[in-house]
PDB file of all heavy atoms in Angstrom:
ATOM      1  N   ALA A   1      -5.932  -2.237   3.460  1.00  0.00           N
ATOM      2  CA  ALA A   1      -5.089  -1.156   3.969  1.00  0.00           C
ATOM      3  C   ALA A   1      -4.723  -1.344   5.429  1.00  0.00           C
ATOM      4  O   ALA A   1      -3.596  -1.045   5.839  1.00  0.00           O
ATOM      5  CB  ALA A   1      -5.768   0.183   3.765  1.00  0.00           C
ATOM      6  N   ASP A   2      -5.670  -1.867   6.230  1.00  0.00           N
ATOM      7  CA  ASP A   2      -5.362  -2.005   7.656  1.00  0.00           C
ATOM      8  C   ASP A   2      -4.273  -3.022   7.919  1.00  0.00           C
ATOM      9  O   ASP A   2      -3.670  -3.032   8.987  1.00  0.00           O
ATOM     10  CB  ASP A   2      -6.618  -2.311   8.458  1.00  0.00           C
ATOM     11  CG  ASP A   2      -7.328  -3.591   7.973  1.00  0.00           C
ATOM     12  OD1 ASP A   2      -6.841  -4.194   7.010  1.00  0.00           O
ATOM     13  OD2 ASP A   2      -8.372  -3.951   8.560  1.00  0.00           O
ATOM     14  N   SER A   3      -4.004  -3.899   6.939  1.00  0.00           N
ATOM     15  CA  SER A   3      -2.944  -4.904   7.130  1.00  0.00           C
ATOM     16  C   SER A   3      -1.585  -4.346   6.835  1.00  0.00           C
ATOM     17  O   SER A   3      -0.551  -4.967   7.167  1.00  0.00           O
ATOM     18  CB  SER A   3      -3.213  -6.116   6.255  1.00  0.00           C
ATOM     19  OG  SER A   3      -3.030  -5.802   4.889  1.00  0.00           O
ATOM     20  N   VAL A   4      -1.485  -3.166   6.193  1.00  0.00           N
ATOM     21  CA  VAL A   4      -0.188  -2.587   5.827  1.00  0.00           C
ATOM     22  C   VAL A   4      -0.038  -1.154   6.323  1.00  0.00           C
ATOM     23  O   VAL A   4       0.981  -0.545   6.073  1.00  0.00           O
ATOM     24  CB  VAL A   4       0.001  -2.622   4.291  1.00  0.00           C
ATOM     25  CG1 VAL A   4       0.050  -4.029   3.773  1.00  0.00           C
ATOM     26  CG2 VAL A   4      -1.085  -1.805   3.594  1.00  0.00           C
ATOM     27  N   ALA A   5      -1.035  -0.643   7.048  1.00  0.00           N
ATOM     28  CA  ALA A   5      -1.023   0.739   7.476  1.00  0.00           C
ATOM     29  C   ALA A   5       0.257   1.117   8.241  1.00  0.00           C
ATOM     30  O   ALA A   5       0.839   2.168   8.064  1.00  0.00           O
ATOM     31  CB  ALA A   5      -2.244   1.063   8.316  1.00  0.00           C
ATOM     32  N   LYS A   6       0.736   0.205   9.127  1.00  0.00           N
ATOM     33  CA  LYS A   6       1.894   0.546   9.945  1.00  0.00           C
ATOM     34  C   LYS A   6       3.176   0.549   9.131  1.00  0.00           C
ATOM     35  O   LYS A   6       4.224   1.004   9.614  1.00  0.00           O
ATOM     36  CB  LYS A   6       2.025  -0.467  11.094  1.00  0.00           C
ATOM     37  CG  LYS A   6       2.311  -1.894  10.688  1.00  0.00           C
ATOM     38  CD  LYS A   6       2.449  -2.772  11.948  1.00  0.00           C
ATOM     39  CE  LYS A   6       2.711  -4.213  11.580  1.00  0.00           C
ATOM     40  NZ  LYS A   6       2.874  -5.056  12.804  1.00  0.00           N
ATOM     41  N   TYR A   7       3.157   0.069   7.883  1.00  0.00           N
ATOM     42  CA  TYR A   7       4.339   0.066   7.055  1.00  0.00           C
ATOM     43  C   TYR A   7       4.364   1.212   6.052  1.00  0.00           C
ATOM     44  O   TYR A   7       5.340   1.391   5.314  1.00  0.00           O
ATOM     45  CB  TYR A   7       4.457  -1.249   6.287  1.00  0.00           C
ATOM     46  CG  TYR A   7       4.536  -2.459   7.215  1.00  0.00           C
ATOM     47  CD1 TYR A   7       3.458  -3.292   7.394  1.00  0.00           C
ATOM     48  CD2 TYR A   7       5.700  -2.742   7.924  1.00  0.00           C
ATOM     49  CE1 TYR A   7       3.526  -4.376   8.243  1.00  0.00           C
ATOM     50  CE2 TYR A   7       5.776  -3.826   8.802  1.00  0.00           C
ATOM     51  CZ  TYR A   7       4.672  -4.636   8.938  1.00  0.00           C
ATOM     52  OH  TYR A   7       4.723  -5.712   9.788  1.00  0.00           O
ATOM     53  N   VAL A   8       3.260   1.954   5.971  1.00  0.00           N
ATOM     54  CA  VAL A   8       3.164   3.086   5.046  1.00  0.00           C
ATOM     55  C   VAL A   8       3.049   4.342   5.891  1.00  0.00           C
ATOM     56  O   VAL A   8       2.014   4.581   6.497  1.00  0.00           O
ATOM     57  CB  VAL A   8       1.945   2.936   4.103  1.00  0.00           C
ATOM     58  CG1 VAL A   8       1.919   4.101   3.109  1.00  0.00           C
ATOM     59  CG2 VAL A   8       2.001   1.624   3.348  1.00  0.00           C
ATOM     60  N   GLY A   9       4.127   5.133   5.926  1.00  0.00           N
ATOM     61  CA  GLY A   9       4.173   6.287   6.808  1.00  0.00           C
ATOM     62  C   GLY A   9       3.028   7.258   6.624  1.00  0.00           C
ATOM     63  O   GLY A   9       2.709   7.675   5.487  1.00  0.00           O
ATOM     64  N   GLY A  10       2.355   7.620   7.714  1.00  0.00           N
ATOM     65  CA  GLY A  10       1.298   8.620   7.680  1.00  0.00           C
ATOM     66  C   GLY A  10      -0.013   8.125   7.080  1.00  0.00           C
ATOM     67  O   GLY A  10      -0.902   8.976   6.838  1.00  0.00           O
ATOM     68  N   LEU A  11      -0.170   6.875   6.811  1.00  0.00           N
ATOM     69  CA  LEU A  11      -1.381   6.351   6.180  1.00  0.00           C
ATOM     70  C   LEU A  11      -2.551   6.365   7.161  1.00  0.00           C
ATOM     71  O   LEU A  11      -2.479   5.797   8.248  1.00  0.00           O
ATOM     72  CB  LEU A  11      -1.173   4.932   5.663  1.00  0.00           C
ATOM     73  CG  LEU A  11      -2.392   4.254   5.044  1.00  0.00           C
ATOM     74  CD1 LEU A  11      -2.874   5.016   3.837  1.00  0.00           C
ATOM     75  CD2 LEU A  11      -2.067   2.817   4.676  1.00  0.00           C
ATOM     76  N   VAL A  12      -3.611   7.057   6.795  1.00  0.00           N
ATOM     77  CA  VAL A  12      -4.848   7.047   7.553  1.00  0.00           C
ATOM     78  C   VAL A  12      -5.878   6.326   6.714  1.00  0.00           C
ATOM     79  O   VAL A  12      -6.151   6.725   5.580  1.00  0.00           O
ATOM     80  CB  VAL A  12      -5.320   8.476   7.874  1.00  0.00           C
ATOM     81  CG1 VAL A  12      -6.667   8.436   8.629  1.00  0.00           C
ATOM     82  CG2 VAL A  12      -4.283   9.263   8.676  1.00  0.00           C
ATOM     83  N   CYS A  13      -6.482   5.250   7.234  1.00  0.00           N
ATOM     84  CA  CYS A  13      -7.353   4.427   6.412  1.00  0.00           C
ATOM     85  C   CYS A  13      -8.564   3.939   7.174  1.00  0.00           C
ATOM     86  O   CYS A  13      -8.588   3.954   8.406  1.00  0.00           O
ATOM     87  CB  CYS A  13      -6.570   3.250   5.830  1.00  0.00           C
ATOM     88  SG  CYS A  13      -5.939   2.142   7.111  1.00  0.00           S
ATOM     89  N   ARG A  14      -9.541   3.524   6.414  1.00  0.00           N
ATOM     90  CA  ARG A  14     -10.743   2.872   6.970  1.00  0.00           C
ATOM     91  C   ARG A  14     -10.621   1.378   6.771  1.00  0.00           C
ATOM     92  O   ARG A  14      -9.825   0.913   5.957  1.00  0.00           O
ATOM     93  CB  ARG A  14     -11.985   3.414   6.230  1.00  0.00           C
ATOM     94  CG  ARG A  14     -12.161   4.933   6.368  1.00  0.00           C
ATOM     95  CD  ARG A  14     -13.159   5.440   5.341  1.00  0.00           C
ATOM     96  NE  ARG A  14     -12.684   5.181   3.994  1.00  0.00           N
ATOM     97  CZ  ARG A  14     -13.334   5.570   2.904  1.00  0.00           C
ATOM     98  NH1 ARG A  14     -14.473   6.216   2.997  1.00  0.00           N
ATOM     99  NH2 ARG A  14     -12.847   5.303   1.701  1.00  0.00           N
ATOM    100  N   PRO A  15     -11.436   0.594   7.497  1.00  0.00           N
ATOM    101  CA  PRO A  15     -11.334  -0.841   7.407  1.00  0.00           C
ATOM    102  C   PRO A  15     -11.504  -1.426   6.013  1.00  0.00           C
ATOM    103  O   PRO A  15     -10.904  -2.457   5.702  1.00  0.00           O
ATOM    104  CB  PRO A  15     -12.439  -1.328   8.333  1.00  0.00           C
ATOM    105  CG  PRO A  15     -12.625  -0.219   9.304  1.00  0.00           C
ATOM    106  CD  PRO A  15     -12.387   1.047   8.552  1.00  0.00           C
ATOM    107  N   ASP A  16     -12.301  -0.746   5.169  1.00  0.00           N
ATOM    108  CA  ASP A  16     -12.534  -1.308   3.821  1.00  0.00           C
ATOM    109  C   ASP A  16     -11.624  -0.708   2.768  1.00  0.00           C
ATOM    110  O   ASP A  16     -11.754  -0.972   1.581  1.00  0.00           O
ATOM    111  CB  ASP A  16     -14.008  -1.088   3.424  1.00  0.00           C
ATOM    112  CG  ASP A  16     -14.410   0.365   3.426  1.00  0.00           C
ATOM    113  OD1 ASP A  16     -13.671   1.188   4.022  1.00  0.00           O
ATOM    114  OD2 ASP A  16     -15.439   0.716   2.837  1.00  0.00           O
ATOM    115  N   ASP A  17     -10.650   0.126   3.166  1.00  0.00           N
ATOM    116  CA  ASP A  17      -9.681   0.700   2.204  1.00  0.00           C
ATOM    117  C   ASP A  17      -8.732  -0.369   1.716  1.00  0.00           C
ATOM    118  O   ASP A  17      -8.442  -1.346   2.400  1.00  0.00           O
ATOM    119  CB  ASP A  17      -8.895   1.824   2.818  1.00  0.00           C
ATOM    120  CG  ASP A  17      -9.706   3.101   2.978  1.00  0.00           C
ATOM    121  OD1 ASP A  17     -10.721   3.248   2.268  1.00  0.00           O
ATOM    122  OD2 ASP A  17      -9.332   3.950   3.827  1.00  0.00           O
ATOM    123  N   LYS A  18      -8.189  -0.134   0.488  1.00  0.00           N
ATOM    124  CA  LYS A  18      -7.181  -1.035  -0.077  1.00  0.00           C
ATOM    125  C   LYS A  18      -5.969  -0.240  -0.538  1.00  0.00           C
ATOM    126  O   LYS A  18      -6.074   0.898  -0.998  1.00  0.00           O
ATOM    127  CB  LYS A  18      -7.754  -1.832  -1.252  1.00  0.00           C
ATOM    128  CG  LYS A  18      -8.716  -2.920  -0.818  1.00  0.00           C
ATOM    129  CD  LYS A  18      -9.034  -3.878  -1.958  1.00  0.00           C
ATOM    130  CE  LYS A  18      -9.894  -5.035  -1.493  1.00  0.00           C
ATOM    131  NZ  LYS A  18     -10.132  -6.015  -2.562  1.00  0.00           N
ATOM    132  N   VAL A  19      -4.811  -0.847  -0.397  1.00  0.00           N
ATOM    133  CA  VAL A  19      -3.560  -0.272  -0.936  1.00  0.00           C
ATOM    134  C   VAL A  19      -3.219  -1.022  -2.226  1.00  0.00           C
ATOM    135  O   VAL A  19      -3.247  -2.246  -2.250  1.00  0.00           O
ATOM    136  CB  VAL A  19      -2.421  -0.411   0.094  1.00  0.00           C
ATOM    137  CG1 VAL A  19      -1.101   0.113  -0.534  1.00  0.00           C
ATOM    138  CG2 VAL A  19      -2.736   0.368   1.344  1.00  0.00           C
ATOM    139  N   CYS A  20      -2.966  -0.264  -3.286  1.00  0.00           N
ATOM    140  CA  CYS A  20      -2.702  -0.838  -4.592  1.00  0.00           C
ATOM    141  C   CYS A  20      -1.240  -0.609  -4.976  1.00  0.00           C
ATOM    142  O   CYS A  20      -0.740   0.487  -4.776  1.00  0.00           O
ATOM    143  CB  CYS A  20      -3.615  -0.232  -5.644  1.00  0.00           C
ATOM    144  SG  CYS A  20      -5.378  -0.371  -5.252  1.00  0.00           S
ATOM    145  N   PHE A  21      -0.645  -1.623  -5.565  1.00  0.00           N
ATOM    146  CA  PHE A  21       0.760  -1.566  -5.967  1.00  0.00           C
ATOM    147  C   PHE A  21       0.847  -1.795  -7.465  1.00  0.00           C
ATOM    148  O   PHE A  21       0.211  -2.699  -8.009  1.00  0.00           O
ATOM    149  CB  PHE A  21       1.570  -2.662  -5.265  1.00  0.00           C
ATOM    150  CG  PHE A  21       1.628  -2.491  -3.785  1.00  0.00           C
ATOM    151  CD1 PHE A  21       0.559  -2.884  -2.987  1.00  0.00           C
ATOM    152  CD2 PHE A  21       2.729  -1.938  -3.152  1.00  0.00           C
ATOM    153  CE1 PHE A  21       0.591  -2.749  -1.619  1.00  0.00           C
ATOM    154  CE2 PHE A  21       2.799  -1.786  -1.791  1.00  0.00           C
ATOM    155  CZ  PHE A  21       1.705  -2.188  -1.014  1.00  0.00           C
ATOM    156  N   TYR A  22       1.657  -0.981  -8.130  1.00  0.00           N
ATOM    157  CA  TYR A  22       1.911  -1.129  -9.567  1.00  0.00           C
ATOM    158  C   TYR A  22       3.418  -1.278  -9.777  1.00  0.00           C
ATOM    159  O   TYR A  22       4.197  -0.429  -9.353  1.00  0.00           O
ATOM    160  CB  TYR A  22       1.411   0.123 -10.327  1.00  0.00           C
ATOM    161  CG  TYR A  22      -0.099   0.238 -10.307  1.00  0.00           C
ATOM    162  CD1 TYR A  22      -0.747   0.800  -9.209  1.00  0.00           C
ATOM    163  CD2 TYR A  22      -0.872  -0.226 -11.382  1.00  0.00           C
ATOM    164  CE1 TYR A  22      -2.128   0.878  -9.151  1.00  0.00           C
ATOM    165  CE2 TYR A  22      -2.254  -0.133 -11.356  1.00  0.00           C
ATOM    166  CZ  TYR A  22      -2.880   0.428 -10.245  1.00  0.00           C
ATOM    167  OH  TYR A  22      -4.258   0.523 -10.222  1.00  0.00           O
ATOM    168  N   LEU A  23       3.811  -2.364 -10.409  1.00  0.00           N
ATOM    169  CA  LEU A  23       5.239  -2.686 -10.588  1.00  0.00           C
ATOM    170  C   LEU A  23       5.516  -2.946 -12.069  1.00  0.00           C
ATOM    171  O   LEU A  23       4.795  -3.687 -12.718  1.00  0.00           O
ATOM    172  CB  LEU A  23       5.558  -3.939  -9.769  1.00  0.00           C
ATOM    173  CG  LEU A  23       6.947  -4.604  -9.971  1.00  0.00           C
ATOM    174  CD1 LEU A  23       8.019  -3.679  -9.457  1.00  0.00           C
ATOM    175  CD2 LEU A  23       6.982  -5.931  -9.258  1.00  0.00           C
ATOM    176  N   LYS A  24       6.561  -2.301 -12.574  1.00  0.00           N
ATOM    177  CA  LYS A  24       6.992  -2.547 -13.953  1.00  0.00           C
ATOM    178  C   LYS A  24       8.491  -2.771 -13.973  1.00  0.00           C
ATOM    179  O   LYS A  24       9.270  -1.960 -13.432  1.00  0.00           O
ATOM    180  CB  LYS A  24       6.613  -1.365 -14.866  1.00  0.00           C
ATOM    181  CG  LYS A  24       6.983  -1.606 -16.304  1.00  0.00           C
ATOM    182  CD  LYS A  24       6.482  -0.465 -17.204  1.00  0.00           C
ATOM    183  CE  LYS A  24       6.820  -0.708 -18.669  1.00  0.00           C
ATOM    184  NZ  LYS A  24       6.345   0.366 -19.550  1.00  0.00           N
ATOM    185  N   ILE A  25       8.898  -3.852 -14.616  1.00  0.00           N
ATOM    186  CA  ILE A  25      10.337  -4.200 -14.683  1.00  0.00           C
ATOM    187  C   ILE A  25      10.945  -3.667 -16.001  1.00  0.00           C
ATOM    188  O   ILE A  25      10.495  -4.026 -17.071  1.00  0.00           O
ATOM    189  CB  ILE A  25      10.545  -5.735 -14.607  1.00  0.00           C
ATOM    190  CG1 ILE A  25       9.936  -6.275 -13.312  1.00  0.00           C
ATOM    191  CG2 ILE A  25      12.033  -6.057 -14.676  1.00  0.00           C
ATOM    192  CD1 ILE A  25      10.473  -5.688 -12.072  1.00  0.00           C
ATOM    193  N   HIS A  26      11.958  -2.806 -15.877  1.00  0.00           N
ATOM    194  CA  HIS A  26      12.609  -2.268 -17.037  1.00  0.00           C
ATOM    195  C   HIS A  26      13.869  -3.023 -17.426  1.00  0.00           C
ATOM    196  O   HIS A  26      14.178  -3.161 -18.597  1.00  0.00           O
ATOM    197  CB  HIS A  26      13.006  -0.781 -16.779  1.00  0.00           C
ATOM    198  CG  HIS A  26      11.863   0.157 -16.857  1.00  0.00           C
ATOM    199  ND1 HIS A  26      11.776   1.147 -17.797  1.00  0.00           N
ATOM    200  CD2 HIS A  26      10.760   0.282 -16.069  1.00  0.00           C
ATOM    201  CE1 HIS A  26      10.666   1.833 -17.610  1.00  0.00           C
ATOM    202  NE2 HIS A  26      10.039   1.330 -16.577  1.00  0.00           N
ATOM    203  N   GLN A  27      14.570  -3.501 -16.438  1.00  0.00           N
ATOM    204  CA  GLN A  27      15.847  -4.185 -16.720  1.00  0.00           C
ATOM    205  C   GLN A  27      16.151  -5.178 -15.608  1.00  0.00           C
ATOM    206  O   GLN A  27      15.718  -5.012 -14.460  1.00  0.00           O
ATOM    207  CB  GLN A  27      16.989  -3.145 -16.819  1.00  0.00           C
ATOM    208  CG  GLN A  27      18.291  -3.714 -17.328  1.00  0.00           C
ATOM    209  CD  GLN A  27      18.160  -4.417 -18.662  1.00  0.00           C
ATOM    210  OE1 GLN A  27      17.995  -5.629 -18.698  1.00  0.00           O
ATOM    211  NE2 GLN A  27      18.218  -3.679 -19.735  1.00  0.00           N
ATOM    212  N   ILE A  28      16.880  -6.209 -15.980  1.00  0.00           N
ATOM    213  CA  ILE A  28      17.359  -7.213 -15.020  1.00  0.00           C
ATOM    214  C   ILE A  28      18.872  -7.295 -15.153  1.00  0.00           C
ATOM    215  O   ILE A  28      19.378  -7.554 -16.247  1.00  0.00           O
ATOM    216  CB  ILE A  28      16.719  -8.579 -15.258  1.00  0.00           C
ATOM    217  CG1 ILE A  28      15.208  -8.512 -15.090  1.00  0.00           C
ATOM    218  CG2 ILE A  28      17.326  -9.632 -14.333  1.00  0.00           C
ATOM    219  CD1 ILE A  28      14.482  -9.797 -15.441  1.00  0.00           C
TER     220      ILE A  28
END
């Protein structure tokens, strides 16, 4: 999380926090 905190508005995190992303493609 600390590596992306400045790109996620309002994110307050601890050093061991993680940001998780889920992506699903419906159409191309």
